[in-house]
Amino acid sequence: MQGDASNEQPGEGFGYDQPMVRPEAESRGNVLVVDDDRTTVELVRMYLERDRYAVHVAYDGPTALKMAGELHPDLVILDWMLPGVDGLTICENLRASSTVGIIMLTARVTESDKLVGLTSGADDYLTKPFSPRELTVRVGVILRRLRGAGSVPEAGSIEAGPIRIDFLERQVFAAGRPVALTRTEFDLLGAFVRHPRRVFTREQLIQLALQDDPDVLPRTVDVHVNNMRRKLRQEGQAEVIGTVFGVGYRLDV
């Protein structure tokens, strides 16, 4: 690689780099890369910029949180072990305040580590050593998914696989057939449809869909999810709400 990343960085301590933006190519999105290993940072940045992403870089936890608040990136690639504030804490903070895409890129490789990362709100989890090409593909997949499901269209409806939700009329259709859901079931399904294949913990579903009601116990979510599954099956729809054991649920479409 050419150049020394340490010479690019302004200020004292860690800090961050400004993105390299090619004027002749429109950016496909803003990505914040957070890692204290400069070799990893430069490798990730090279591949992302080759795919026309505008890349911002932070080398420590506090700077990452500051940049995320200022730049509002489309996606964050996040190491676990960071100076100042660890990646897990950053992930939880970001997820509590936004729907930004998050990929954990870390040397922690056990299954329990992956479950913890996903529980904290990450959309994906990739272990080191990693394939830069695979990483850029995953970035594209997550951004397409978020842009497709992150907001309600003007018509007030969102489709995810065989499921369509009309938020204005509060109606649900499975493969074109109406499904009668309770208010709570509707709100839960709405969270899933807005973020297909994202893993939600029970606590996150309570925050997103149940207005963080203190009277709702985490296991109550299981009852509502099972009721939704039963009603969808009654309309001839195959199982679309999957269980991620030890973590929570996701919409598998």
Protein backbone atom coordinates (compact mmCIF):
# COMPACT_ATOMS: atom_id res chain seq x y z
CA MET A 1 0.00 0.00 0.00
CA GLN A 2 1.18 3.51 -0.69
CA GLY A 3 1.56 6.18 1.90
CA ASP A 4 1.52 6.11 5.69
CA ALA A 5 -1.95 6.35 7.23
CA SER A 6 -0.46 7.99 10.32
CA ASN A 7 0.62 10.97 8.21
CA GLU A 8 -2.92 11.50 6.97
CA GLN A 9 -4.49 11.79 10.37
CA PRO A 10 -5.08 15.27 11.80
CA GLY A 11 -4.66 16.20 15.42
CA GLU A 12 -3.21 14.26 18.31
CA GLY A 13 -3.85 10.68 19.36
CA PHE A 14 -6.01 8.59 17.07
CA GLY A 15 -8.62 10.64 15.20
CA TYR A 16 -9.94 9.99 11.71
CA ASP A 17 -9.25 10.40 8.00
CA GLN A 18 -11.30 12.28 5.48
CA PRO A 19 -12.79 10.22 2.65
CA MET A 20 -11.30 10.11 -0.79
CA VAL A 21 -14.09 11.14 -3.18
CA ARG A 22 -13.64 10.68 -6.90
CA PRO A 23 -15.45 13.61 -8.59
CA GLU A 24 -16.18 11.62 -11.74
CA ALA A 25 -18.02 8.87 -9.89
CA GLU A 26 -21.16 9.24 -7.81
CA SER A 27 -20.81 7.76 -4.34
CA ARG A 28 -22.84 4.62 -3.61
CA GLY A 29 -23.02 5.56 0.07
CA ASN A 30 -21.07 6.78 3.09
CA VAL A 31 -19.28 4.11 5.11
CA LEU A 32 -17.55 4.65 8.45
CA VAL A 33 -14.71 2.16 9.07
CA VAL A 34 -13.71 1.84 12.73
CA ASP A 35 -10.56 -0.15 13.55
CA ASP A 36 -7.30 0.61 15.34
CA ASP A 37 -5.35 -1.65 12.98
CA ARG A 38 -4.19 0.59 10.15
CA THR A 39 -3.43 -2.27 7.78
CA THR A 40 -7.02 -3.48 8.06
CA VAL A 41 -8.34 0.06 7.62
CA GLU A 42 -6.33 0.68 4.44
CA LEU A 43 -7.31 -2.68 2.95
CA VAL A 44 -11.02 -2.10 3.63
CA ARG A 45 -10.84 1.47 2.38
CA MET A 46 -9.12 0.46 -0.85
CA TYR A 47 -11.78 -2.09 -1.73
CA LEU A 48 -14.71 0.13 -0.74
CA GLU A 49 -13.41 3.12 -2.67
CA ARG A 50 -12.86 0.86 -5.68
CA ASP A 51 -16.59 0.10 -5.44
CA ARG A 52 -17.37 3.86 -5.28
CA TYR A 53 -18.18 4.22 -1.58
CA ALA A 54 -17.15 7.37 0.28
CA VAL A 55 -15.10 6.05 3.19
CA HIS A 56 -14.55 7.76 6.53
CA VAL A 57 -12.18 6.28 9.10
CA ALA A 58 -11.93 6.35 12.90
CA TYR A 59 -9.23 4.59 14.92
CA ASP A 60 -10.78 4.66 18.39
CA GLY A 61 -14.17 4.40 20.07
CA PRO A 62 -14.82 8.00 21.15
CA THR A 63 -13.94 9.35 17.71
CA ALA A 64 -16.19 6.77 16.08
CA LEU A 65 -19.17 7.87 18.19
CA LYS A 66 -18.46 11.53 17.43
CA MET A 67 -18.18 10.90 13.69
CA ALA A 68 -21.30 8.77 13.59
CA GLY A 69 -23.26 11.59 15.24
CA GLU A 70 -21.88 14.20 12.85
CA LEU A 71 -21.77 12.30 9.55
CA HIS A 72 -24.81 10.01 9.86
CA PRO A 73 -23.16 7.30 7.73
CA ASP A 74 -25.19 4.77 5.79
CA LEU A 75 -23.17 1.89 7.24
CA VAL A 76 -20.52 1.30 9.91
CA ILE A 77 -17.85 -1.40 9.75
CA LEU A 78 -16.85 -1.91 13.36
CA ASP A 79 -14.07 -3.74 15.17
CA TRP A 80 -14.83 -5.11 18.64
CA MET A 81 -11.59 -4.29 20.49
CA LEU A 82 -11.03 -0.53 20.29
CA PRO A 83 -9.26 2.11 22.42
CA GLY A 84 -11.52 4.26 24.57
CA VAL A 85 -14.89 2.65 23.90
CA ASP A 86 -15.25 -0.95 22.71
CA GLY A 87 -17.09 -1.83 19.51
CA LEU A 88 -19.88 -3.64 21.31
CA THR A 89 -20.79 -0.52 23.25
CA ILE A 90 -20.63 1.56 20.08
CA CYS A 91 -22.91 -0.92 18.32
CA GLU A 92 -25.47 -0.75 21.13
CA ASN A 93 -25.38 3.06 21.17
CA LEU A 94 -25.83 3.32 17.40
CA ARG A 95 -28.66 0.83 17.35
CA ALA A 96 -30.49 2.59 20.18
CA SER A 97 -30.65 5.81 18.15
CA SER A 98 -30.67 4.80 14.48
CA THR A 99 -31.19 2.10 11.87
CA VAL A 100 -27.71 2.53 10.37
CA GLY A 101 -26.26 -0.64 8.87
CA ILE A 102 -23.62 -2.22 11.11
CA ILE A 103 -21.11 -4.94 10.25
CA MET A 104 -18.91 -6.25 13.04
CA LEU A 105 -15.46 -7.07 11.63
CA THR A 106 -13.45 -8.68 14.40
CA ALA A 107 -10.92 -11.32 15.42
CA ARG A 108 -13.38 -12.74 17.96
CA VAL A 109 -14.44 -15.93 16.27
CA THR A 110 -16.47 -18.05 18.69
CA GLU A 111 -20.16 -18.71 18.17
CA SER A 112 -20.96 -17.02 21.47
CA ASP A 113 -19.05 -13.90 20.34
CA LYS A 114 -21.11 -13.81 17.14
CA LEU A 115 -24.36 -14.13 19.06
CA VAL A 116 -23.33 -11.31 21.39
CA GLY A 117 -22.47 -9.10 18.42
CA LEU A 118 -25.79 -9.76 16.71
CA THR A 119 -27.68 -9.28 19.97
CA SER A 120 -26.05 -5.86 20.33
CA GLY A 121 -27.66 -4.81 17.05
CA ALA A 122 -25.19 -5.69 14.30
CA ASP A 123 -26.71 -6.58 10.93
CA ASP A 124 -23.83 -8.87 10.06
CA TYR A 125 -20.71 -10.37 11.66
CA LEU A 126 -17.50 -11.15 9.78
CA THR A 127 -14.38 -12.62 11.39
CA LYS A 128 -10.71 -11.89 10.67
CA PRO A 129 -8.90 -12.94 8.56
CA PHE A 130 -11.54 -11.97 6.01
CA SER A 131 -12.09 -11.62 2.30
CA PRO A 132 -12.26 -7.92 1.33
CA ARG A 133 -14.36 -8.87 -1.69
CA GLU A 134 -16.87 -10.68 0.52
CA LEU A 135 -17.00 -7.66 2.84
CA THR A 136 -17.85 -5.26 0.01
CA VAL A 137 -20.56 -7.63 -1.20
CA ARG A 138 -22.07 -7.74 2.28
CA VAL A 139 -21.94 -3.93 2.46
CA GLY A 140 -23.90 -3.71 -0.79
CA VAL A 141 -26.48 -6.26 0.33
CA ILE A 142 -27.16 -4.50 3.62
CA LEU A 143 -27.43 -1.05 2.02
CA ARG A 144 -29.84 -2.30 -0.65
CA ARG A 145 -31.95 -3.92 2.04
CA LEU A 146 -32.01 -0.81 4.21
CA ARG A 147 -32.85 1.48 1.31
CA GLY A 148 -35.59 -0.83 0.17
CA ALA A 149 -37.24 -1.27 3.56
CA GLY A 150 -36.14 1.64 5.69
CA SER A 151 -39.06 3.93 4.99
CA VAL A 152 -42.72 3.75 4.12
CA PRO A 153 -43.40 4.59 0.46
CA GLU A 154 -45.87 7.28 -0.53
CA ALA A 155 -48.49 4.58 -0.97
CA GLY A 156 -48.01 3.70 2.69
CA SER A 157 -47.07 0.07 2.12
CA ILE A 158 -43.96 -2.11 2.24
CA GLU A 159 -43.41 -5.51 0.69
CA ALA A 160 -40.92 -8.09 1.98
CA GLY A 161 -41.11 -11.41 0.17
CA PRO A 162 -44.74 -12.63 0.31
CA ILE A 163 -45.68 -10.15 3.05
CA ARG A 164 -47.20 -6.76 2.31
CA ILE A 165 -48.13 -4.26 5.00
CA ASP A 166 -50.29 -1.22 4.36
CA PHE A 167 -49.38 1.11 7.22
CA LEU A 168 -52.04 3.69 6.39
CA GLU A 169 -54.90 1.19 6.40
CA ARG A 170 -53.15 -1.08 8.96
CA GLN A 171 -53.72 -4.16 6.84
CA VAL A 172 -51.51 -7.19 6.29
CA PHE A 173 -51.47 -9.45 3.24
CA ALA A 174 -49.65 -12.76 2.83
CA ALA A 175 -49.29 -13.85 -0.80
CA GLY A 176 -52.18 -11.49 -1.58
CA ARG A 177 -54.52 -12.84 1.10
CA PRO A 178 -55.56 -10.64 4.06
CA VAL A 179 -54.35 -11.63 7.54
CA ALA A 180 -56.13 -10.34 10.65
CA LEU A 181 -53.57 -9.31 13.29
CA THR A 182 -53.91 -7.58 16.63
CA ARG A 183 -52.40 -4.12 17.09
CA THR A 184 -49.36 -5.57 18.86
CA GLU A 185 -48.87 -8.28 16.24
CA PHE A 186 -49.17 -5.68 13.47
CA ASP A 187 -46.56 -3.43 15.08
CA LEU A 188 -44.16 -6.33 15.57
CA LEU A 189 -44.54 -7.48 11.98
CA GLY A 190 -44.00 -3.90 10.85
CA ALA A 191 -40.60 -3.87 12.57
CA PHE A 192 -39.64 -7.11 10.84
CA VAL A 193 -40.77 -5.96 7.39
CA ARG A 194 -38.87 -2.68 7.64
CA HIS A 195 -35.66 -4.63 8.33
CA PRO A 196 -35.86 -8.07 6.69
CA ARG A 197 -33.20 -10.56 7.82
CA ARG A 198 -32.04 -8.29 10.62
CA VAL A 199 -31.87 -10.20 13.90
CA PHE A 200 -33.93 -8.60 16.68
CA THR A 201 -33.65 -9.43 20.34
CA ARG A 202 -36.84 -9.51 22.36
CA GLU A 203 -35.76 -6.32 24.14
CA GLN A 204 -35.23 -4.54 20.80
CA LEU A 205 -38.67 -5.57 19.61
CA ILE A 206 -40.17 -4.16 22.80
CA GLN A 207 -38.39 -0.84 22.15
CA LEU A 208 -39.20 -0.65 18.43
CA ALA A 209 -42.71 -2.07 18.24
CA LEU A 210 -44.15 -2.01 21.73
CA GLN A 211 -43.28 1.56 22.72
CA ASP A 212 -40.83 0.28 25.34
CA ASP A 213 -43.79 -0.62 27.55
CA PRO A 214 -42.40 -1.49 31.02
CA ASP A 215 -45.24 -3.96 31.56
CA VAL A 216 -44.20 -6.07 28.56
CA LEU A 217 -41.92 -8.93 29.54
CA PRO A 218 -39.38 -10.24 27.00
CA ARG A 219 -41.08 -13.64 26.90
CA THR A 220 -44.36 -11.94 26.03
CA VAL A 221 -42.80 -11.25 22.63
CA ASP A 222 -42.60 -15.02 22.08
CA VAL A 223 -46.36 -15.29 22.50
CA HIS A 224 -47.06 -12.54 19.95
CA VAL A 225 -44.57 -13.99 17.45
CA ASN A 226 -46.10 -17.46 17.77
CA ASN A 227 -49.56 -16.00 17.24
CA MET A 228 -48.36 -14.24 14.06
CA ARG A 229 -46.83 -17.48 12.79
CA ARG A 230 -50.05 -19.36 13.42
CA LYS A 231 -52.18 -16.79 11.59
CA LEU A 232 -49.83 -16.69 8.62
CA ARG A 233 -49.87 -20.49 8.42
CA GLN A 234 -53.67 -20.45 8.45
CA GLU A 235 -53.52 -18.40 5.25
CA GLY A 236 -51.27 -21.02 3.66
CA GLN A 237 -48.07 -19.02 4.13
CA ALA A 238 -44.87 -20.91 4.90
CA GLU A 239 -42.86 -19.92 7.98
CA VAL A 240 -41.21 -16.54 7.37
CA ILE A 241 -40.35 -15.45 10.93
CA GLY A 242 -37.28 -17.43 11.90
CA THR A 243 -35.85 -18.07 15.34
CA VAL A 244 -32.17 -17.30 15.94
CA PHE A 245 -31.52 -19.49 18.95
CA GLY A 246 -30.06 -17.64 21.91
CA VAL A 247 -30.70 -14.26 20.29
CA GLY A 248 -34.23 -13.58 19.02
CA TYR A 249 -36.10 -13.45 15.70
CA ARG A 250 -35.76 -12.28 12.12
CA LEU A 251 -37.86 -12.15 8.96
CA ASP A 252 -36.41 -14.75 6.58
CA VAL A 253 -37.30 -13.41 3.13
